[in-house]
Amino acid sequence: MCLPRWMPTGPPSAKAGAANGAERMPTMARVFVDTNVFIYAVDSGEPEKRDIARASLDELAAAGELVTSTQVLQEFYNIAVRKIGLRSVVAERCVREFARNDTIQMSVEIILAGIGLHRSASLSIWDAFVIQAAIVSDCEQLLSEDLQHGRQFDQTVILDPFRA
C-alpha cells in the first residue's frame, strides 16, 4: 500500500455529489490539498516536509475533511513517476488511495471559471484550476506550498503547511 493511514474511514457520501458538480451544504471544515503536499508525503528527499505532509494528510483524512481534484491526482502521478522516481505501479496505488477522499471532477464549468480567475488574478492557468476547484467544493483552506500564503479567493484561504 502507498500510505494506508490516508484511507478515509467514513462513507463516501459527500464524494458522489461533489464529483458530478451538484451543490451541497458544507457540514464540516473542508481543506483542499494541492499536488505538492501529496508529493512531499512520498518524497524521501525532504524528510521534514515529508513528515509535515503526512501528518496533515493523516489528520484531514481521519476527519473526513480532505478534498482534492482529478487534476491534482494526474499531476501527482506524473511528478511522482518522472521526478521522484516512484515506480508506476506504486504511484498508481497512491492515486487510488488518495482518490478515496472527496475528489472533485474537473468539469467544464470549473475550467471556464478557472480561465476567468487566471485572467483576473494573474495566476498560472493550472493554479487557477486548483483554486477554482477548491472554491467550488466549499473549501475554507487550500494547502499548497506553491501559492501565496494567506491570499484569499472567495471563502478559500491559501495556507502553506511548510511555512515556518
Protein backbone atom coordinates (compact mmCIF):
# COMPACT_ATOMS: atom_id res chain seq x y z
CA MET A 1 0.00 0.00 0.00
CA CYS A 2 1.07 3.58 -0.59
CA LEU A 3 0.11 5.17 2.72
CA PRO A 4 -2.86 3.26 4.15
CA ARG A 5 -3.44 5.69 7.01
CA TRP A 6 -4.84 8.15 4.47
CA MET A 7 -7.75 5.94 3.61
CA PRO A 8 -10.98 7.67 4.58
CA THR A 9 -12.82 5.95 7.39
CA GLY A 10 -16.31 7.24 6.73
CA PRO A 11 -18.72 6.58 3.89
CA PRO A 12 -18.06 8.44 0.63
CA SER A 13 -21.41 10.26 0.86
CA ALA A 14 -20.12 13.74 0.01
CA LYS A 15 -17.99 12.39 -2.82
CA ALA A 16 -20.88 11.50 -5.09
CA GLY A 17 -22.42 14.97 -5.04
CA ALA A 18 -19.13 16.76 -5.43
CA ALA A 19 -17.98 14.52 -8.24
CA ASN A 20 -20.82 15.50 -10.55
CA GLY A 21 -20.79 19.18 -9.61
CA ALA A 22 -24.01 19.10 -7.58
CA GLU A 23 -24.29 21.77 -4.92
CA ARG A 24 -24.39 20.69 -1.29
CA MET A 25 -24.23 22.24 2.12
CA PRO A 26 -20.85 22.00 3.85
CA THR A 27 -21.11 20.02 7.07
CA MET A 28 -17.52 20.33 8.29
CA ALA A 29 -14.37 22.24 7.55
CA ARG A 30 -13.13 21.20 4.14
CA VAL A 31 -9.50 21.54 3.14
CA PHE A 32 -8.34 21.25 -0.46
CA VAL A 33 -4.90 19.66 -0.87
CA ASP A 34 -2.66 20.65 -3.79
CA THR A 35 -0.26 18.33 -5.61
CA ASN A 36 2.90 19.41 -3.78
CA VAL A 37 1.58 18.25 -0.39
CA PHE A 38 0.92 14.74 -1.76
CA ILE A 39 4.34 14.73 -3.46
CA TYR A 40 6.20 15.68 -0.27
CA ALA A 41 4.36 12.89 1.55
CA VAL A 42 6.08 10.29 -0.65
CA ASP A 43 9.39 12.09 -1.22
CA SER A 44 12.19 10.74 0.95
CA GLY A 45 14.46 13.58 -0.22
CA GLU A 46 12.98 16.10 2.22
CA PRO A 47 12.16 14.24 5.45
CA GLU A 48 10.99 17.32 7.38
CA LYS A 49 8.47 18.27 4.70
CA ARG A 50 7.52 14.60 4.30
CA ASP A 51 6.63 14.38 7.99
CA ILE A 52 4.60 17.60 7.87
CA ALA A 53 2.75 16.48 4.72
CA ARG A 54 1.96 13.05 6.14
CA ALA A 55 0.73 14.49 9.44
CA SER A 56 -1.50 16.98 7.61
CA LEU A 57 -2.93 14.32 5.30
CA ASP A 58 -3.47 11.86 8.15
CA GLU A 59 -5.37 14.45 10.19
CA LEU A 60 -7.53 15.67 7.30
CA ALA A 61 -8.38 12.19 6.03
CA ALA A 62 -9.25 10.93 9.51
CA ALA A 63 -11.61 13.89 9.98
CA GLY A 64 -13.17 13.43 6.53
CA GLU A 65 -12.04 16.94 5.57
CA LEU A 66 -9.55 16.15 2.79
CA VAL A 67 -10.59 17.33 -0.67
CA THR A 68 -8.60 17.19 -3.90
CA SER A 69 -9.30 17.08 -7.63
CA THR A 70 -8.74 14.87 -10.62
CA GLN A 71 -6.24 17.45 -11.89
CA VAL A 72 -4.18 17.11 -8.69
CA LEU A 73 -4.22 13.31 -8.96
CA GLN A 74 -3.00 13.50 -12.57
CA GLU A 75 -0.23 15.91 -11.60
CA PHE A 76 0.76 13.71 -8.65
CA TYR A 77 1.15 10.63 -10.84
CA ASN A 78 3.22 12.50 -13.42
CA ILE A 79 5.58 14.12 -10.89
CA ALA A 80 5.86 11.02 -8.70
CA VAL A 81 6.96 8.87 -11.63
CA ARG A 82 9.03 11.37 -13.61
CA LYS A 83 10.69 13.47 -10.90
CA ILE A 84 10.55 11.46 -7.67
CA GLY A 85 11.21 8.13 -9.36
CA LEU A 86 8.33 6.15 -7.88
CA ARG A 87 7.54 3.03 -9.82
CA SER A 88 4.42 3.44 -11.94
CA VAL A 89 2.52 0.74 -10.05
CA VAL A 90 3.28 2.41 -6.70
CA ALA A 91 2.25 5.85 -7.97
CA GLU A 92 -0.99 4.37 -9.31
CA ARG A 93 -1.69 2.75 -5.95
CA CYS A 94 -1.19 6.14 -4.27
CA VAL A 95 -3.59 7.80 -6.72
CA ARG A 96 -6.22 5.13 -6.00
CA GLU A 97 -5.88 5.69 -2.26
CA PHE A 98 -5.88 9.49 -2.46
CA ALA A 99 -8.97 9.34 -4.70
CA ARG A 100 -10.93 7.65 -1.92
CA ASN A 101 -11.16 11.08 -0.32
CA ASP A 102 -13.54 13.69 -1.72
CA THR A 103 -12.24 14.13 -5.28
CA ILE A 104 -13.62 16.92 -7.44
CA GLN A 105 -14.08 16.18 -11.14
CA MET A 106 -12.77 19.00 -13.33
CA SER A 107 -15.99 19.97 -15.10
CA VAL A 108 -16.32 22.40 -17.99
CA GLU A 109 -17.83 24.92 -15.56
CA ILE A 110 -14.80 24.71 -13.25
CA ILE A 111 -12.43 25.01 -16.20
CA LEU A 112 -14.21 28.08 -17.60
CA ALA A 113 -14.35 29.74 -14.17
CA GLY A 114 -10.66 28.88 -13.74
CA ILE A 115 -9.86 30.61 -17.02
CA GLY A 116 -11.64 33.71 -15.71
CA LEU A 117 -9.67 33.51 -12.45
CA HIS A 118 -6.44 33.07 -14.43
CA ARG A 119 -7.15 36.32 -16.27
CA SER A 120 -8.46 38.38 -13.34
CA ALA A 121 -5.90 37.32 -10.71
CA SER A 122 -2.79 36.91 -12.91
CA LEU A 123 -2.35 33.25 -11.92
CA SER A 124 -0.95 30.38 -13.95
CA ILE A 125 -3.80 28.51 -15.57
CA TRP A 126 -3.02 25.35 -13.57
CA ASP A 127 -3.03 27.22 -10.25
CA ALA A 128 -6.30 28.90 -11.24
CA PHE A 129 -7.89 25.50 -11.89
CA VAL A 130 -6.77 24.24 -8.46
CA ILE A 131 -8.08 27.35 -6.72
CA GLN A 132 -11.38 27.21 -8.61
CA ALA A 133 -11.86 23.54 -7.66
CA ALA A 134 -11.28 24.49 -4.01
CA ILE A 135 -13.80 27.34 -4.24
CA VAL A 136 -16.48 25.22 -5.93
CA SER A 137 -16.04 22.45 -3.37
CA ASP A 138 -16.66 24.87 -0.48
CA CYS A 139 -13.17 24.52 0.99
CA GLU A 140 -12.19 27.02 3.66
CA GLN A 141 -8.49 26.33 3.12
CA LEU A 142 -6.21 25.26 0.30
CA LEU A 143 -2.92 23.67 1.38
CA SER A 144 -0.14 24.47 -1.08
CA GLU A 145 3.50 25.43 -1.00
CA ASP A 146 3.30 26.88 -4.50
CA LEU A 147 0.72 29.62 -3.91
CA GLN A 148 0.86 32.84 -1.88
CA HIS A 149 0.31 32.04 1.82
CA GLY A 150 -2.65 33.96 3.23
CA ARG A 151 -4.12 35.02 -0.11
CA GLN A 152 -7.88 34.57 -0.23
CA PHE A 153 -10.20 33.72 -3.11
CA ASP A 154 -13.88 33.86 -2.15
CA GLN A 155 -14.14 31.76 1.04
CA THR A 156 -10.88 29.86 0.39
CA VAL A 157 -7.63 30.92 2.09
CA ILE A 158 -4.30 29.55 0.89
CA LEU A 159 -2.08 28.10 3.60
CA ASP A 160 1.48 26.84 3.19
CA PRO A 161 1.77 23.90 5.60
CA PHE A 162 5.58 24.02 5.37
CA ARG A 163 5.90 27.69 6.30
CA ALA A 164 8.00 28.17 9.42
